[in-house]
């Protein structure tokens, strides 16, 4: 479960260590890192298996956005079910 936090919410190893400490579990971040290394493939396979296949019809939206005063073109590709396929800036 704690390893899932690292991958799902992109928390740092020290964040995980602190969250566990708040729940009364004392563990070093190095141990969390070993858990992540051990179960990385397992989580990758589960995510890939759970991902739906993209639909046959895709839609590409393009929007001009300004970041730090610079204009950029943002492209957003979705399929007919609304599943996000890709974002390109």
N, C-alpha and C. Protein backbone atom coordinates (compact mmCIF):
# COMPACT_ATOMS: atom_id res chain seq x y z
N UNK A 1 0.83 -1.19 0.00
CA UNK A 1 0.00 0.00 0.00
C UNK A 1 0.87 1.26 0.00
N UNK A 2 1.89 1.28 0.81
CA UNK A 2 2.73 2.48 0.92
C UNK A 2 3.53 2.68 -0.35
N UNK A 3 3.94 1.59 -0.97
CA UNK A 3 4.67 1.70 -2.23
C UNK A 3 3.76 2.28 -3.30
N UNK A 4 2.49 1.94 -3.25
CA UNK A 4 1.51 2.47 -4.20
C UNK A 4 1.45 3.99 -4.10
N UNK A 5 1.55 4.54 -2.90
CA UNK A 5 1.55 6.00 -2.71
C UNK A 5 2.69 6.63 -3.50
N UNK A 6 3.84 5.99 -3.46
CA UNK A 6 5.02 6.53 -4.14
C UNK A 6 4.77 6.63 -5.64
N UNK A 7 4.21 5.58 -6.22
CA UNK A 7 4.00 5.57 -7.67
C UNK A 7 2.76 6.36 -8.07
N UNK A 8 1.68 6.25 -7.30
CA UNK A 8 0.41 6.87 -7.70
C UNK A 8 0.42 8.38 -7.50
N UNK A 9 0.92 8.84 -6.38
CA UNK A 9 0.84 10.26 -6.04
C UNK A 9 2.16 10.98 -6.22
N UNK A 10 3.18 10.30 -6.71
CA UNK A 10 4.50 10.88 -6.97
C UNK A 10 5.07 11.57 -5.74
N UNK A 11 4.95 10.89 -4.61
CA UNK A 11 5.54 11.39 -3.38
C UNK A 11 7.01 10.98 -3.32
N UNK A 12 7.79 11.73 -2.57
CA UNK A 12 9.19 11.36 -2.42
C UNK A 12 9.30 10.24 -1.38
N UNK A 13 10.45 9.60 -1.36
CA UNK A 13 10.67 8.54 -0.38
C UNK A 13 10.60 9.08 1.04
N UNK A 14 11.08 10.29 1.23
CA UNK A 14 11.01 10.89 2.56
C UNK A 14 9.57 11.25 2.94
N UNK A 15 8.76 11.62 1.95
CA UNK A 15 7.33 11.86 2.23
C UNK A 15 6.66 10.58 2.72
N UNK A 16 6.97 9.47 2.08
CA UNK A 16 6.40 8.19 2.49
C UNK A 16 6.87 7.85 3.90
N UNK A 17 8.15 8.07 4.17
CA UNK A 17 8.69 7.82 5.50
C UNK A 17 7.93 8.65 6.55
N UNK A 18 7.66 9.90 6.24
CA UNK A 18 6.95 10.78 7.17
C UNK A 18 5.50 10.35 7.35
N UNK A 19 4.83 9.97 6.26
CA UNK A 19 3.44 9.51 6.37
C UNK A 19 3.33 8.26 7.23
N UNK A 20 4.28 7.34 7.06
CA UNK A 20 4.28 6.14 7.88
C UNK A 20 4.56 6.47 9.35
N UNK A 21 5.45 7.41 9.60
CA UNK A 21 5.78 7.82 10.96
C UNK A 21 4.55 8.41 11.66
N UNK A 22 3.76 9.19 10.91
CA UNK A 22 2.53 9.77 11.48
C UNK A 22 1.53 8.69 11.87
N UNK A 23 1.64 7.51 11.26
CA UNK A 23 0.75 6.40 11.58
C UNK A 23 1.38 5.44 12.59
N UNK A 24 2.53 5.83 13.14
CA UNK A 24 3.17 5.03 14.17
C UNK A 24 4.10 3.96 13.64
N UNK A 25 4.43 4.01 12.36
CA UNK A 25 5.33 3.02 11.76
C UNK A 25 6.67 3.69 11.49
N UNK A 26 7.70 3.18 12.13
CA UNK A 26 9.03 3.76 11.95
C UNK A 26 9.79 2.93 10.92
N UNK A 27 10.09 3.56 9.81
CA UNK A 27 10.81 2.91 8.72
C UNK A 27 11.66 3.96 8.03
N UNK A 28 12.86 3.58 7.62
CA UNK A 28 13.76 4.51 6.94
C UNK A 28 13.38 4.59 5.46
N UNK A 29 13.70 5.73 4.85
CA UNK A 29 13.36 5.91 3.43
C UNK A 29 14.11 4.93 2.53
N UNK A 30 15.27 4.44 2.99
CA UNK A 30 16.01 3.45 2.20
C UNK A 30 15.21 2.16 2.06
N UNK A 31 14.48 1.79 3.12
CA UNK A 31 13.65 0.59 3.08
C UNK A 31 12.51 0.79 2.08
N UNK A 32 11.91 1.98 2.10
CA UNK A 32 10.84 2.28 1.15
C UNK A 32 11.39 2.21 -0.27
N UNK A 33 12.62 2.67 -0.48
CA UNK A 33 13.23 2.60 -1.80
C UNK A 33 13.41 1.15 -2.25
N UNK A 34 13.83 0.28 -1.33
CA UNK A 34 13.98 -1.15 -1.68
C UNK A 34 12.63 -1.77 -2.02
N UNK A 35 11.58 -1.39 -1.28
CA UNK A 35 10.24 -1.89 -1.59
C UNK A 35 9.83 -1.44 -2.99
N UNK A 36 10.09 -0.18 -3.30
CA UNK A 36 9.72 0.35 -4.62
C UNK A 36 10.47 -0.38 -5.73
N UNK A 37 11.75 -0.63 -5.53
CA UNK A 37 12.53 -1.36 -6.52
C UNK A 37 12.00 -2.78 -6.71
N UNK A 38 11.59 -3.40 -5.60
CA UNK A 38 11.11 -4.77 -5.64
C UNK A 38 9.76 -4.89 -6.35
N UNK A 39 8.84 -3.94 -6.11
CA UNK A 39 7.49 -4.05 -6.62
C UNK A 39 7.20 -3.18 -7.83
N UNK A 40 8.19 -2.53 -8.38
CA UNK A 40 8.01 -1.64 -9.54
C UNK A 40 7.39 -2.37 -10.74
N UNK A 41 7.90 -3.52 -11.07
CA UNK A 41 7.39 -4.30 -12.19
C UNK A 41 5.95 -4.74 -11.97
N UNK A 42 5.63 -5.12 -10.74
CA UNK A 42 4.27 -5.56 -10.41
C UNK A 42 3.28 -4.43 -10.67
N UNK A 43 3.58 -3.23 -10.21
CA UNK A 43 2.67 -2.10 -10.41
C UNK A 43 2.58 -1.72 -11.88
N UNK A 44 3.69 -1.79 -12.60
CA UNK A 44 3.68 -1.46 -14.03
C UNK A 44 2.78 -2.42 -14.79
N UNK A 45 2.85 -3.72 -14.47
CA UNK A 45 1.99 -4.70 -15.14
C UNK A 45 0.52 -4.47 -14.82
N UNK A 46 0.21 -4.14 -13.57
CA UNK A 46 -1.19 -3.90 -13.19
C UNK A 46 -1.76 -2.68 -13.88
N UNK A 47 -0.97 -1.61 -13.97
CA UNK A 47 -1.44 -0.40 -14.64
C UNK A 47 -1.66 -0.65 -16.12
N UNK A 48 -0.73 -1.35 -16.74
CA UNK A 48 -0.85 -1.63 -18.17
C UNK A 48 -2.06 -2.51 -18.46
N UNK A 49 -2.32 -3.49 -17.60
CA UNK A 49 -3.47 -4.38 -17.80
C UNK A 49 -4.79 -3.64 -17.58
N UNK A 50 -4.81 -2.68 -16.67
CA UNK A 50 -6.04 -1.96 -16.35
C UNK A 50 -6.36 -0.87 -17.37
N UNK A 51 -5.36 -0.45 -18.13
CA UNK A 51 -5.56 0.62 -19.11
C UNK A 51 -6.43 0.14 -20.25
N UNK A 52 -7.44 0.90 -20.58
CA UNK A 52 -8.30 0.53 -21.70
C UNK A 52 -7.59 0.84 -23.02
N UNK A 53 -7.96 0.07 -24.02
CA UNK A 53 -7.42 0.32 -25.36
C UNK A 53 -8.07 1.58 -25.91
N UNK A 54 -7.32 2.41 -26.63
CA UNK A 54 -7.91 3.62 -27.19
C UNK A 54 -8.98 3.29 -28.23
N UNK A 55 -9.97 4.15 -28.33
CA UNK A 55 -11.05 3.95 -29.29
C UNK A 55 -10.60 4.20 -30.72
N UNK A 56 -11.49 3.97 -31.64
CA UNK A 56 -11.19 4.13 -33.06
C UNK A 56 -11.21 5.58 -33.52
N UNK A 57 -12.00 6.42 -32.84
CA UNK A 57 -12.14 7.82 -33.23
C UNK A 57 -11.38 8.68 -32.24
N UNK A 58 -10.46 9.49 -32.75
CA UNK A 58 -9.67 10.38 -31.91
C UNK A 58 -10.01 11.82 -32.24
N UNK A 59 -9.86 12.70 -31.25
CA UNK A 59 -10.07 14.12 -31.45
C UNK A 59 -8.83 14.85 -30.95
N UNK A 60 -8.40 15.82 -31.71
CA UNK A 60 -7.23 16.60 -31.34
C UNK A 60 -7.65 18.05 -31.14
N UNK A 61 -7.43 18.56 -29.95
CA UNK A 61 -7.72 19.95 -29.64
C UNK A 61 -6.40 20.71 -29.60
N UNK A 62 -6.43 21.93 -30.07
CA UNK A 62 -5.24 22.77 -29.95
C UNK A 62 -5.65 24.12 -29.40
N UNK A 63 -4.85 24.60 -28.46
CA UNK A 63 -5.13 25.85 -27.77
C UNK A 63 -3.82 26.61 -27.62
N UNK A 64 -3.88 27.91 -27.81
CA UNK A 64 -2.72 28.75 -27.54
C UNK A 64 -2.75 29.15 -26.07
N UNK A 65 -1.63 28.93 -25.39
CA UNK A 65 -1.51 29.31 -23.99
C UNK A 65 -0.25 30.16 -23.84
N UNK A 66 -0.24 30.98 -22.79
CA UNK A 66 0.93 31.81 -22.50
C UNK A 66 1.56 31.33 -21.20
N UNK A 67 2.84 31.00 -21.27
CA UNK A 67 3.61 30.60 -20.10
C UNK A 67 4.77 31.56 -19.95
N UNK A 68 4.79 32.25 -18.82
CA UNK A 68 5.82 33.27 -18.57
C UNK A 68 5.87 34.29 -19.69
N UNK A 69 4.71 34.59 -20.24
CA UNK A 69 4.61 35.60 -21.29
C UNK A 69 4.92 35.09 -22.69
N UNK A 70 5.34 33.85 -22.82
CA UNK A 70 5.67 33.28 -24.12
C UNK A 70 4.46 32.49 -24.65
N UNK A 71 4.08 32.68 -25.91
CA UNK A 71 2.96 31.91 -26.47
C UNK A 71 3.40 30.49 -26.85
N UNK A 72 2.57 29.51 -26.50
CA UNK A 72 2.81 28.11 -26.84
C UNK A 72 1.54 27.52 -27.40
N UNK A 73 1.69 26.46 -28.17
CA UNK A 73 0.55 25.73 -28.70
C UNK A 73 0.43 24.43 -27.91
N UNK A 74 -0.72 24.22 -27.27
CA UNK A 74 -0.98 23.03 -26.48
C UNK A 74 -1.91 22.11 -27.28
N UNK A 75 -1.47 20.87 -27.52
CA UNK A 75 -2.26 19.89 -28.24
C UNK A 75 -2.71 18.83 -27.25
N UNK A 76 -3.96 18.43 -27.35
CA UNK A 76 -4.55 17.48 -26.43
C UNK A 76 -5.33 16.45 -27.25
N UNK A 77 -4.93 15.20 -27.22
CA UNK A 77 -5.59 14.14 -27.99
C UNK A 77 -6.44 13.27 -27.06
N UNK A 78 -7.71 13.08 -27.43
CA UNK A 78 -8.62 12.22 -26.67
C UNK A 78 -9.36 11.31 -27.64
N UNK A 79 -9.83 10.16 -27.13
CA UNK A 79 -10.63 9.29 -27.98
C UNK A 79 -12.12 9.55 -27.75
N UNK A 80 -13.00 8.74 -28.39
CA UNK A 80 -14.42 9.03 -28.33
C UNK A 80 -15.01 8.85 -26.93
N UNK A 81 -14.33 8.12 -26.05
CA UNK A 81 -14.82 7.94 -24.68
C UNK A 81 -14.28 9.01 -23.74
N UNK A 82 -13.44 9.90 -24.24
CA UNK A 82 -12.87 10.96 -23.41
C UNK A 82 -11.58 10.57 -22.72
N UNK A 83 -11.05 9.40 -23.04
CA UNK A 83 -9.79 8.97 -22.44
C UNK A 83 -8.64 9.78 -23.07
N UNK A 84 -7.82 10.35 -22.23
CA UNK A 84 -6.70 11.17 -22.69
C UNK A 84 -5.62 10.28 -23.29
N UNK A 85 -5.22 10.57 -24.51
CA UNK A 85 -4.20 9.79 -25.20
C UNK A 85 -2.83 10.42 -25.09
N UNK A 86 -2.75 11.75 -25.25
CA UNK A 86 -1.46 12.41 -25.20
C UNK A 86 -1.66 13.91 -25.08
N UNK A 87 -0.65 14.56 -24.53
CA UNK A 87 -0.61 16.02 -24.43
C UNK A 87 0.76 16.45 -24.92
N UNK A 88 0.79 17.46 -25.77
CA UNK A 88 2.05 17.97 -26.31
C UNK A 88 2.03 19.48 -26.21
N UNK A 89 3.05 20.07 -25.67
CA UNK A 89 3.16 21.52 -25.53
C UNK A 89 4.26 22.01 -26.44
